[in-house]
N, C-alpha and C. Protein backbone atom coordinates (compact mmCIF):
# COMPACT_ATOMS: atom_id res chain seq x y z
N MET A 1 -29.23 150.60 161.35
CA MET A 1 -27.88 151.15 161.53
C MET A 1 -26.89 150.43 160.66
N MET A 2 -26.98 149.06 160.63
CA MET A 2 -26.07 148.27 159.81
C MET A 2 -26.30 148.56 158.34
N SER A 3 -27.57 148.75 157.93
CA SER A 3 -27.83 149.00 156.51
C SER A 3 -27.24 150.34 156.08
N SER A 4 -27.28 151.34 156.93
CA SER A 4 -26.67 152.63 156.59
C SER A 4 -25.17 152.49 156.44
N THR A 5 -24.55 151.70 157.31
CA THR A 5 -23.10 151.47 157.22
C THR A 5 -22.76 150.75 155.95
N HIS A 6 -23.58 149.75 155.63
CA HIS A 6 -23.34 149.00 154.39
C HIS A 6 -23.45 149.91 153.17
N ARG A 7 -24.45 150.81 153.19
CA ARG A 7 -24.62 151.73 152.05
C ARG A 7 -23.43 152.66 151.93
N LEU A 8 -22.90 153.14 153.06
CA LEU A 8 -21.75 154.05 153.04
C LEU A 8 -20.52 153.34 152.50
N VAL A 9 -20.28 152.11 152.96
CA VAL A 9 -19.13 151.34 152.48
C VAL A 9 -19.26 151.07 151.00
N GLY A 10 -20.47 150.74 150.57
CA GLY A 10 -20.69 150.47 149.14
C GLY A 10 -20.44 151.70 148.30
N ALA A 11 -20.83 152.86 148.76
CA ALA A 11 -20.59 154.10 148.01
C ALA A 11 -19.11 154.39 147.89
N LEU A 12 -18.35 154.15 148.97
CA LEU A 12 -16.91 154.38 148.92
C LEU A 12 -16.23 153.42 147.97
N VAL A 13 -16.66 152.17 147.92
CA VAL A 13 -16.08 151.19 147.00
C VAL A 13 -16.36 151.59 145.56
N LEU A 14 -17.57 152.03 145.27
CA LEU A 14 -17.91 152.47 143.91
C LEU A 14 -17.11 153.69 143.49
N ALA A 15 -16.89 154.60 144.41
CA ALA A 15 -16.11 155.80 144.09
C ALA A 15 -14.67 155.45 143.79
N ALA A 16 -14.12 154.50 144.54
CA ALA A 16 -12.74 154.09 144.30
C ALA A 16 -12.60 153.34 142.99
N ALA A 17 -13.60 152.60 142.61
CA ALA A 17 -13.55 151.80 141.38
C ALA A 17 -13.83 152.61 140.14
N ALA A 18 -14.40 153.82 140.29
CA ALA A 18 -14.80 154.61 139.11
C ALA A 18 -13.63 154.97 138.22
N PRO A 19 -12.43 155.44 138.71
CA PRO A 19 -11.32 155.76 137.81
C PRO A 19 -10.85 154.56 137.01
N ALA A 20 -10.80 153.38 137.65
CA ALA A 20 -10.36 152.19 136.92
C ALA A 20 -11.35 151.84 135.83
N ALA A 21 -12.63 151.98 136.12
CA ALA A 21 -13.63 151.70 135.10
C ALA A 21 -13.52 152.67 133.96
N ALA A 22 -13.27 153.95 134.27
CA ALA A 22 -13.12 154.95 133.21
C ALA A 22 -11.93 154.64 132.34
N ALA A 23 -10.81 154.17 132.97
CA ALA A 23 -9.63 153.80 132.19
C ALA A 23 -9.93 152.65 131.27
N ASP A 24 -10.74 151.68 131.78
CA ASP A 24 -11.10 150.53 130.94
C ASP A 24 -11.94 150.96 129.75
N LEU A 25 -12.67 152.06 129.89
CA LEU A 25 -13.53 152.53 128.80
C LEU A 25 -12.77 153.41 127.81
N GLY A 26 -11.45 153.59 128.00
CA GLY A 26 -10.66 154.33 127.01
C GLY A 26 -10.15 155.67 127.47
N SER A 27 -10.43 156.10 128.69
CA SER A 27 -9.93 157.37 129.21
C SER A 27 -8.55 157.12 129.81
N ALA A 28 -7.49 157.41 129.06
CA ALA A 28 -6.12 157.14 129.51
C ALA A 28 -5.75 158.06 130.65
N PRO A 29 -4.94 157.59 131.61
CA PRO A 29 -4.52 158.47 132.72
C PRO A 29 -3.61 159.58 132.22
N ARG A 30 -3.58 160.68 132.88
CA ARG A 30 -2.76 161.82 132.49
C ARG A 30 -1.28 161.48 132.65
N PRO A 31 -0.41 161.88 131.70
CA PRO A 31 1.02 161.55 131.81
C PRO A 31 1.69 162.34 132.93
N ALA A 32 2.75 161.76 133.46
CA ALA A 32 3.49 162.43 134.52
C ALA A 32 4.20 163.66 133.97
N ALA A 33 4.44 164.64 134.81
CA ALA A 33 5.11 165.86 134.39
C ALA A 33 6.54 165.55 133.94
N TYR A 34 7.00 166.26 132.90
CA TYR A 34 8.35 166.03 132.37
C TYR A 34 9.40 166.54 133.36
N ALA A 35 10.43 165.74 133.56
CA ALA A 35 11.56 166.13 134.40
C ALA A 35 12.83 166.01 133.58
N PRO A 36 13.63 167.07 133.47
CA PRO A 36 14.87 167.00 132.67
C PRO A 36 15.84 166.00 133.27
N PRO A 37 16.67 165.37 132.43
CA PRO A 37 17.65 164.40 132.95
C PRO A 37 18.68 165.06 133.84
N VAL A 38 19.19 164.30 134.78
CA VAL A 38 20.20 164.83 135.69
C VAL A 38 21.48 165.15 134.93
N GLN A 39 21.86 164.27 133.99
CA GLN A 39 23.05 164.49 133.17
C GLN A 39 22.64 164.92 131.77
N PRO A 40 23.39 165.85 131.12
CA PRO A 40 23.05 166.26 129.76
C PRO A 40 23.17 165.09 128.80
N LEU A 41 22.34 165.12 127.76
CA LEU A 41 22.32 164.03 126.80
C LEU A 41 23.36 164.23 125.70
N SER A 42 24.02 165.38 125.68
CA SER A 42 24.94 165.70 124.60
C SER A 42 26.36 165.87 125.15
N ILE A 43 27.34 165.56 124.30
CA ILE A 43 28.73 165.79 124.67
C ILE A 43 29.20 167.15 124.18
N VAL A 44 28.31 167.93 123.58
CA VAL A 44 28.67 169.26 123.08
C VAL A 44 28.85 170.22 124.25
N SER A 45 29.97 170.93 124.26
CA SER A 45 30.25 171.90 125.31
C SER A 45 29.71 173.29 124.96
N GLU A 46 29.88 173.68 123.67
CA GLU A 46 29.52 175.05 123.27
C GLU A 46 29.30 175.11 121.77
N VAL A 47 28.40 175.98 121.35
CA VAL A 47 28.20 176.27 119.92
C VAL A 47 28.40 177.77 119.71
N ARG A 48 28.97 178.11 118.54
CA ARG A 48 29.26 179.51 118.26
C ARG A 48 28.89 179.86 116.82
N ILE A 49 28.55 181.12 116.63
CA ILE A 49 28.33 181.64 115.29
C ILE A 49 28.89 183.06 115.24
N GLY A 50 29.44 183.42 114.09
CA GLY A 50 30.04 184.75 113.98
C GLY A 50 30.31 185.13 112.54
N GLY A 51 31.09 186.16 112.39
CA GLY A 51 31.44 186.66 111.07
C GLY A 51 32.85 187.22 111.08
N ALA A 52 33.40 187.42 109.88
CA ALA A 52 34.77 187.93 109.77
C ALA A 52 34.95 188.63 108.44
N VAL A 53 35.95 189.51 108.40
CA VAL A 53 36.38 190.10 107.13
C VAL A 53 37.53 189.25 106.61
N GLN A 54 37.50 188.97 105.32
CA GLN A 54 38.51 188.08 104.73
C GLN A 54 39.78 188.86 104.40
N ASP A 55 40.88 188.40 104.97
CA ASP A 55 42.23 188.89 104.74
C ASP A 55 42.30 190.27 104.10
N PRO A 56 42.15 191.36 104.92
CA PRO A 56 42.05 192.71 104.35
C PRO A 56 43.23 193.15 103.49
N GLY A 57 44.41 192.57 103.70
CA GLY A 57 45.57 193.00 102.94
C GLY A 57 45.91 192.12 101.76
N SER A 58 44.94 191.33 101.30
CA SER A 58 45.24 190.36 100.24
C SER A 58 44.31 190.54 99.05
N ALA A 59 44.47 189.64 98.07
CA ALA A 59 43.61 189.67 96.89
C ALA A 59 42.15 189.35 97.23
N GLU A 60 41.92 188.74 98.38
CA GLU A 60 40.56 188.36 98.76
C GLU A 60 39.89 189.40 99.66
N ARG A 61 40.46 190.61 99.72
CA ARG A 61 39.90 191.66 100.56
C ARG A 61 38.53 192.09 100.06
N ASN A 62 37.84 192.85 100.92
CA ASN A 62 36.51 193.38 100.63
C ASN A 62 35.46 192.28 100.50
N THR A 63 35.69 191.15 101.13
CA THR A 63 34.68 190.10 101.20
C THR A 63 34.50 189.70 102.66
N ASN A 64 33.36 189.08 102.96
CA ASN A 64 33.01 188.75 104.34
C ASN A 64 32.61 187.28 104.47
N ASN A 65 32.79 186.76 105.67
CA ASN A 65 32.48 185.36 105.96
C ASN A 65 31.44 185.23 107.06
N VAL A 66 30.74 184.11 107.07
CA VAL A 66 29.96 183.67 108.22
C VAL A 66 30.61 182.39 108.73
N ASN A 67 30.70 182.27 110.04
CA ASN A 67 31.43 181.16 110.65
C ASN A 67 30.58 180.46 111.68
N GLY A 68 30.63 179.13 111.69
CA GLY A 68 29.96 178.33 112.71
C GLY A 68 30.95 177.36 113.33
N GLU A 69 30.77 177.06 114.61
CA GLU A 69 31.76 176.27 115.33
C GLU A 69 31.07 175.46 116.43
N VAL A 70 31.55 174.23 116.62
CA VAL A 70 31.06 173.37 117.71
C VAL A 70 32.27 172.93 118.53
N LEU A 71 32.20 173.16 119.84
CA LEU A 71 33.26 172.73 120.76
C LEU A 71 32.70 171.61 121.64
N PHE A 72 33.42 170.50 121.70
CA PHE A 72 32.98 169.36 122.48
C PHE A 72 33.60 169.39 123.88
N ALA A 73 33.01 168.62 124.78
CA ALA A 73 33.52 168.56 126.15
C ALA A 73 34.93 167.97 126.16
N LYS A 74 35.73 168.43 127.11
CA LYS A 74 37.10 167.92 127.24
C LYS A 74 37.10 166.42 127.54
N PRO A 75 37.96 165.67 126.88
CA PRO A 75 38.13 164.26 127.29
C PRO A 75 38.82 164.19 128.65
N GLY A 76 38.45 163.22 129.45
CA GLY A 76 39.08 163.08 130.76
C GLY A 76 40.44 162.43 130.65
N VAL A 77 41.49 163.23 130.65
CA VAL A 77 42.85 162.72 130.47
C VAL A 77 43.57 162.57 131.80
N SER A 78 43.31 163.49 132.73
CA SER A 78 44.01 163.45 134.02
C SER A 78 43.05 163.79 135.15
N LEU A 79 43.27 163.14 136.30
CA LEU A 79 42.48 163.45 137.49
C LEU A 79 42.98 164.70 138.19
N ASP A 80 44.16 165.14 137.85
CA ASP A 80 44.75 166.34 138.44
C ASP A 80 44.21 167.57 137.70
N PRO A 81 43.50 168.47 138.39
CA PRO A 81 42.94 169.66 137.72
C PRO A 81 44.00 170.50 137.01
N PHE A 82 45.21 170.53 137.55
CA PHE A 82 46.26 171.33 136.92
C PHE A 82 46.58 170.80 135.53
N TRP A 83 46.80 169.50 135.40
CA TRP A 83 47.14 168.92 134.09
C TRP A 83 45.92 168.87 133.18
N GLN A 84 44.74 168.68 133.75
CA GLN A 84 43.53 168.64 132.93
C GLN A 84 43.27 169.99 132.28
N ALA A 85 43.75 171.07 132.90
CA ALA A 85 43.58 172.41 132.33
C ALA A 85 44.31 172.56 131.00
N PHE A 86 45.31 171.73 130.75
CA PHE A 86 46.05 171.81 129.49
C PHE A 86 45.39 171.01 128.37
N VAL A 87 44.33 170.30 128.68
CA VAL A 87 43.63 169.50 127.67
C VAL A 87 42.67 170.40 126.90
N PRO A 88 42.74 170.42 125.56
CA PRO A 88 41.85 171.29 124.78
C PRO A 88 40.47 170.67 124.59
N ARG A 89 39.52 171.51 124.20
CA ARG A 89 38.22 171.01 123.79
C ARG A 89 38.27 170.68 122.29
N PRO A 90 37.95 169.46 121.89
CA PRO A 90 37.91 169.15 120.45
C PRO A 90 36.93 170.08 119.74
N THR A 91 37.34 170.58 118.58
CA THR A 91 36.59 171.63 117.89
C THR A 91 36.46 171.32 116.40
N ILE A 92 35.26 171.54 115.86
CA ILE A 92 35.04 171.49 114.42
C ILE A 92 34.32 172.78 114.01
N GLY A 93 34.57 173.23 112.79
CA GLY A 93 33.92 174.45 112.34
C GLY A 93 34.05 174.65 110.86
N GLY A 94 33.45 175.72 110.39
CA GLY A 94 33.52 176.05 108.98
C GLY A 94 33.25 177.52 108.75
N SER A 95 33.74 178.03 107.62
CA SER A 95 33.59 179.43 107.26
C SER A 95 33.20 179.53 105.79
N TYR A 96 32.12 180.27 105.53
CA TYR A 96 31.63 180.45 104.15
C TYR A 96 31.83 181.90 103.73
N ASN A 97 32.46 182.10 102.56
CA ASN A 97 32.73 183.43 102.05
C ASN A 97 31.62 183.88 101.11
N PHE A 98 30.99 185.01 101.42
CA PHE A 98 29.88 185.50 100.62
C PHE A 98 30.31 186.05 99.26
N GLY A 99 31.60 186.35 99.10
CA GLY A 99 32.09 186.91 97.85
C GLY A 99 32.58 185.87 96.87
N GLY A 100 32.36 184.60 97.16
CA GLY A 100 32.81 183.56 96.26
C GLY A 100 34.29 183.26 96.34
N ARG A 101 34.96 183.78 97.37
CA ARG A 101 36.38 183.50 97.56
C ARG A 101 36.55 182.24 98.40
N THR A 102 37.67 182.12 99.08
CA THR A 102 38.01 180.88 99.78
C THR A 102 37.09 180.63 100.98
N SER A 103 36.44 179.48 100.97
CA SER A 103 35.69 178.97 102.12
C SER A 103 36.41 177.73 102.63
N TYR A 104 36.15 177.35 103.88
CA TYR A 104 36.92 176.24 104.44
C TYR A 104 36.21 175.61 105.63
N ALA A 105 36.64 174.38 105.95
CA ALA A 105 36.20 173.68 107.15
C ALA A 105 37.45 173.29 107.93
N TYR A 106 37.32 173.14 109.25
CA TYR A 106 38.51 172.87 110.05
C TYR A 106 38.18 171.98 111.24
N VAL A 107 39.23 171.37 111.79
CA VAL A 107 39.12 170.52 112.97
C VAL A 107 40.39 170.70 113.79
N GLY A 108 40.26 170.64 115.10
CA GLY A 108 41.44 170.83 115.96
C GLY A 108 41.04 170.89 117.42
N GLY A 109 41.81 171.64 118.21
CA GLY A 109 41.56 171.77 119.64
C GLY A 109 41.59 173.22 120.08
N THR A 110 40.75 173.56 121.06
CA THR A 110 40.67 174.92 121.60
C THR A 110 41.04 174.91 123.08
N TRP A 111 42.00 175.76 123.44
CA TRP A 111 42.42 175.94 124.83
C TRP A 111 41.82 177.26 125.34
N THR A 112 41.21 177.23 126.52
CA THR A 112 40.58 178.42 127.10
C THR A 112 41.15 178.66 128.49
N VAL A 113 41.55 179.90 128.77
CA VAL A 113 42.08 180.25 130.09
C VAL A 113 41.46 181.58 130.53
N ASP A 114 41.03 181.64 131.78
CA ASP A 114 40.47 182.88 132.33
C ASP A 114 41.61 183.86 132.64
N LEU A 115 41.39 185.13 132.29
CA LEU A 115 42.38 186.16 132.55
C LEU A 115 42.10 186.82 133.90
N PHE A 116 43.08 186.78 134.79
CA PHE A 116 42.99 187.41 136.11
C PHE A 116 41.65 187.08 136.79
N PRO A 117 41.39 185.79 137.04
CA PRO A 117 40.07 185.42 137.59
C PRO A 117 39.76 186.06 138.93
N GLN A 118 40.78 186.32 139.75
CA GLN A 118 40.53 186.95 141.04
C GLN A 118 40.07 188.39 140.88
N THR A 119 40.52 189.03 139.80
CA THR A 119 40.15 190.43 139.55
C THR A 119 38.85 190.55 138.77
N PHE A 120 38.73 189.75 137.68
CA PHE A 120 37.59 189.86 136.78
C PHE A 120 36.49 188.83 137.06
N GLY A 121 36.71 187.95 138.04
CA GLY A 121 35.66 187.00 138.41
C GLY A 121 35.31 186.01 137.32
N ASN A 122 36.30 185.46 136.62
CA ASN A 122 36.09 184.46 135.58
C ASN A 122 35.19 184.96 134.45
N VAL A 123 35.25 186.23 134.16
CA VAL A 123 34.41 186.82 133.12
C VAL A 123 35.19 187.01 131.82
N VAL A 124 36.46 187.38 131.90
CA VAL A 124 37.29 187.63 130.73
C VAL A 124 38.17 186.40 130.47
N PHE A 125 38.25 185.98 129.22
CA PHE A 125 39.04 184.79 128.92
C PHE A 125 39.80 184.96 127.61
N LEU A 126 40.84 184.16 127.48
CA LEU A 126 41.68 184.15 126.28
C LEU A 126 41.69 182.73 125.73
N GLU A 127 41.66 182.62 124.39
CA GLU A 127 41.62 181.30 123.76
C GLU A 127 42.66 181.16 122.67
N GLY A 128 43.06 179.94 122.46
CA GLY A 128 43.93 179.60 121.35
C GLY A 128 43.43 178.33 120.68
N PHE A 129 43.59 178.26 119.37
CA PHE A 129 43.17 177.08 118.60
C PHE A 129 44.33 176.65 117.71
N PHE A 130 44.47 175.33 117.56
CA PHE A 130 45.41 174.80 116.58
C PHE A 130 44.81 173.56 115.95
N GLY A 131 44.94 173.48 114.61
CA GLY A 131 44.40 172.33 113.90
C GLY A 131 44.69 172.42 112.42
N ALA A 132 43.81 171.84 111.64
CA ALA A 132 43.98 171.80 110.18
C ALA A 132 42.67 172.21 109.51
N GLY A 133 42.81 172.81 108.33
CA GLY A 133 41.64 173.25 107.59
C GLY A 133 41.73 172.87 106.12
N ALA A 134 40.63 172.38 105.57
CA ALA A 134 40.54 172.08 104.15
C ALA A 134 39.72 173.17 103.48
N HIS A 135 40.13 173.62 102.29
CA HIS A 135 39.51 174.78 101.66
C HIS A 135 39.24 174.53 100.18
N ASN A 136 38.49 175.45 99.58
CA ASN A 136 38.18 175.38 98.15
C ASN A 136 38.89 176.49 97.37
N GLY A 137 39.94 177.08 97.97
CA GLY A 137 40.66 178.17 97.31
C GLY A 137 41.69 177.68 96.31
N SER A 138 42.59 178.56 95.94
CA SER A 138 43.58 178.28 94.89
C SER A 138 44.75 177.48 95.44
N THR A 139 45.11 176.41 94.73
CA THR A 139 46.28 175.60 95.06
C THR A 139 47.20 175.54 93.83
N GLY A 140 48.37 174.98 94.01
CA GLY A 140 49.28 174.85 92.88
C GLY A 140 50.14 176.08 92.67
N GLN A 141 50.63 176.25 91.44
CA GLN A 141 51.55 177.33 91.12
C GLN A 141 50.86 178.69 91.14
N LYS A 142 51.60 179.70 91.60
CA LYS A 142 51.05 181.06 91.71
C LYS A 142 50.61 181.60 90.36
N ALA A 143 51.30 181.21 89.28
CA ALA A 143 50.96 181.71 87.94
C ALA A 143 49.55 181.32 87.52
N PHE A 144 49.00 180.27 88.14
CA PHE A 144 47.67 179.80 87.76
C PHE A 144 46.60 180.21 88.77
N THR A 145 46.95 181.10 89.70
CA THR A 145 45.98 181.57 90.69
C THR A 145 44.97 182.50 90.03
N PRO A 146 43.67 182.23 90.15
CA PRO A 146 42.65 183.11 89.55
C PRO A 146 42.69 184.50 90.18
N PRO A 147 42.32 185.53 89.43
CA PRO A 147 42.24 186.89 90.00
C PRO A 147 41.29 186.93 91.19
N GLY A 148 41.68 187.65 92.22
CA GLY A 148 40.84 187.78 93.42
C GLY A 148 41.02 186.68 94.44
N PHE A 149 41.97 185.75 94.20
CA PHE A 149 42.21 184.66 95.14
C PHE A 149 43.64 184.72 95.67
N ASN A 150 43.81 184.28 96.92
CA ASN A 150 45.15 184.10 97.46
C ASN A 150 45.75 182.80 96.95
N SER A 151 47.06 182.80 96.77
CA SER A 151 47.75 181.59 96.34
C SER A 151 48.11 180.79 97.59
N LEU A 152 47.28 179.79 97.91
CA LEU A 152 47.42 179.06 99.17
C LEU A 152 48.32 177.82 99.05
N GLY A 153 48.66 177.44 97.85
CA GLY A 153 49.64 176.37 97.66
C GLY A 153 49.07 174.97 97.68
N CYS A 154 48.36 174.62 98.73
CA CYS A 154 47.83 173.25 98.85
C CYS A 154 46.68 173.23 99.84
N SER A 155 46.10 172.07 99.98
CA SER A 155 45.02 171.84 100.95
C SER A 155 45.14 170.40 101.43
N PRO A 156 45.06 170.13 102.73
CA PRO A 156 44.71 171.05 103.81
C PRO A 156 45.86 171.95 104.23
N LEU A 157 45.52 172.94 105.10
CA LEU A 157 46.49 173.87 105.64
C LEU A 157 46.47 173.79 107.17
N PHE A 158 47.53 174.30 107.78
CA PHE A 158 47.50 174.50 109.23
C PHE A 158 46.59 175.68 109.54
N ARG A 159 45.87 175.59 110.66
CA ARG A 159 45.03 176.72 111.08
C ARG A 159 45.33 177.04 112.54
N GLU A 160 45.63 178.33 112.79
CA GLU A 160 45.80 178.83 114.15
C GLU A 160 44.80 179.97 114.36
N ALA A 161 44.28 180.08 115.56
CA ALA A 161 43.32 181.14 115.86
C ALA A 161 43.45 181.56 117.31
N ALA A 162 43.04 182.79 117.59
CA ALA A 162 43.04 183.32 118.96
C ALA A 162 41.78 184.15 119.16
N ALA A 163 41.35 184.24 120.41
CA ALA A 163 40.16 185.02 120.73
C ALA A 163 40.28 185.63 122.11
N LEU A 164 39.77 186.84 122.25
CA LEU A 164 39.61 187.50 123.54
C LEU A 164 38.12 187.59 123.81
N GLY A 165 37.67 186.95 124.90
CA GLY A 165 36.23 186.84 125.13
C GLY A 165 35.76 187.44 126.44
N PHE A 166 34.43 187.62 126.49
CA PHE A 166 33.77 188.18 127.67
C PHE A 166 32.48 187.39 127.90
N ARG A 167 32.31 186.84 129.11
CA ARG A 167 31.11 186.09 129.45
C ARG A 167 30.01 187.04 129.91
N ILE A 168 28.96 187.13 129.10
CA ILE A 168 27.84 188.01 129.43
C ILE A 168 27.02 187.42 130.57
N THR A 169 26.73 186.12 130.46
CA THR A 169 26.01 185.38 131.49
C THR A 169 26.69 184.02 131.66
N GLU A 170 26.06 183.14 132.43
CA GLU A 170 26.59 181.79 132.61
C GLU A 170 26.68 181.05 131.28
N HIS A 171 25.76 181.34 130.36
CA HIS A 171 25.68 180.61 129.10
C HIS A 171 26.21 181.40 127.89
N TRP A 172 26.04 182.70 127.87
CA TRP A 172 26.35 183.49 126.67
C TRP A 172 27.69 184.21 126.80
N SER A 173 28.42 184.26 125.69
CA SER A 173 29.69 184.98 125.65
C SER A 173 29.91 185.59 124.27
N ILE A 174 30.75 186.62 124.22
CA ILE A 174 31.12 187.26 122.96
C ILE A 174 32.64 187.26 122.86
N MET A 175 33.15 187.22 121.62
CA MET A 175 34.59 187.11 121.40
C MET A 175 35.03 187.96 120.21
N ALA A 176 36.20 188.55 120.32
CA ALA A 176 36.90 189.14 119.18
C ALA A 176 37.92 188.11 118.72
N THR A 177 37.99 187.86 117.41
CA THR A 177 38.78 186.73 116.92
C THR A 177 39.75 187.13 115.80
N VAL A 178 40.81 186.35 115.69
CA VAL A 178 41.74 186.43 114.56
C VAL A 178 42.13 185.00 114.23
N GLU A 179 42.21 184.69 112.94
CA GLU A 179 42.59 183.34 112.53
C GLU A 179 43.52 183.41 111.33
N HIS A 180 44.39 182.41 111.24
CA HIS A 180 45.36 182.35 110.14
C HIS A 180 45.47 180.93 109.64
N MET A 181 45.50 180.78 108.31
CA MET A 181 45.70 179.48 107.68
C MET A 181 46.87 179.58 106.71
N SER A 182 47.78 178.61 106.75
CA SER A 182 48.91 178.57 105.83
C SER A 182 49.48 177.16 105.83
N ASN A 183 50.45 176.92 104.94
CA ASN A 183 51.03 175.58 104.84
C ASN A 183 52.43 175.49 105.44
N ALA A 184 52.89 176.55 106.11
CA ALA A 184 54.19 176.57 106.77
C ALA A 184 55.34 176.30 105.81
N GLY A 185 55.17 176.69 104.56
CA GLY A 185 56.24 176.53 103.58
C GLY A 185 56.38 175.11 103.05
N LEU A 186 55.40 174.25 103.29
CA LEU A 186 55.49 172.87 102.83
C LEU A 186 55.03 172.69 101.39
N CYS A 187 54.40 173.72 100.82
CA CYS A 187 53.92 173.64 99.43
C CYS A 187 54.59 174.72 98.59
N SER A 188 54.25 174.76 97.31
CA SER A 188 54.94 175.67 96.39
C SER A 188 54.73 177.13 96.74
N ASN A 189 53.54 177.49 97.24
CA ASN A 189 53.26 178.87 97.62
C ASN A 189 52.65 178.89 99.01
N ASN A 190 52.82 180.03 99.71
CA ASN A 190 52.36 180.09 101.09
C ASN A 190 51.87 181.49 101.45
N ARG A 191 51.00 182.05 100.60
CA ARG A 191 50.46 183.38 100.88
C ARG A 191 49.64 183.38 102.16
N GLY A 192 48.90 182.30 102.38
CA GLY A 192 48.11 182.19 103.60
C GLY A 192 46.83 183.01 103.54
N LEU A 193 46.09 182.96 104.64
CA LEU A 193 44.80 183.65 104.74
C LEU A 193 44.62 184.06 106.20
N THR A 194 44.40 185.36 106.44
CA THR A 194 44.24 185.88 107.80
C THR A 194 42.95 186.67 107.90
N ASN A 195 42.04 186.25 108.77
CA ASN A 195 40.72 186.87 108.90
C ASN A 195 40.53 187.44 110.31
N PHE A 196 39.75 188.51 110.38
CA PHE A 196 39.46 189.18 111.65
C PHE A 196 37.95 189.28 111.82
N GLY A 197 37.46 188.97 113.04
CA GLY A 197 36.02 189.01 113.22
C GLY A 197 35.59 188.90 114.66
N GLY A 198 34.39 188.36 114.85
CA GLY A 198 33.83 188.19 116.19
C GLY A 198 32.83 187.04 116.19
N LYS A 199 32.55 186.53 117.40
CA LYS A 199 31.64 185.39 117.55
C LYS A 199 30.75 185.57 118.77
N LEU A 200 29.61 184.93 118.71
CA LEU A 200 28.70 184.81 119.84
C LEU A 200 28.63 183.34 120.20
N GLY A 201 28.84 183.00 121.48
CA GLY A 201 28.86 181.61 121.91
C GLY A 201 27.80 181.30 122.94
N TYR A 202 27.30 180.05 122.89
CA TYR A 202 26.36 179.57 123.90
C TYR A 202 26.93 178.30 124.52
N THR A 203 27.18 178.32 125.82
CA THR A 203 27.74 177.19 126.55
C THR A 203 26.62 176.40 127.23
N PHE A 204 26.66 175.10 127.07
CA PHE A 204 25.63 174.23 127.66
C PHE A 204 25.95 173.91 129.12
């Protein structure tokens, strides 16, 4: 009876020791399942891509742009939600003109407000942007402006933009956009640049 018990105990000990022996022989244990972090690893709030028609009423008409934009999370300025709502999301972006006309990059802030949230359920929103943009278009005197270019006077310029948007899902949204760049009369010429288009956004 004791010998049978001893044999049973010995078999259980060998079975328990087998995985460790296998690991010693080079069979690595299986890795634990991946778990996403509780907090996001990025400070990016949203990324957007879109297109626009270049200033239809100007010398740069009949050309089109592609636009990309990154919006960062709001900095924590106030603990009061009312005042924090006035804090913009820092924004960087750029626009490339396929017709070889004025392309530009910009930096500034974007303010977003939901329109009639009780009625539309936080689906429709309005945005405003203000900042500065550097461009590769025509600067200096109007007499030296190349054909097909707007006389923008100088670089950088002020940039203002607005958008009317619709949230398709929690993450995806679409926007109709208008943007304007000019120097506010601070340079020799101020023809400016006004583009109309749309964007698709993904919110993290």
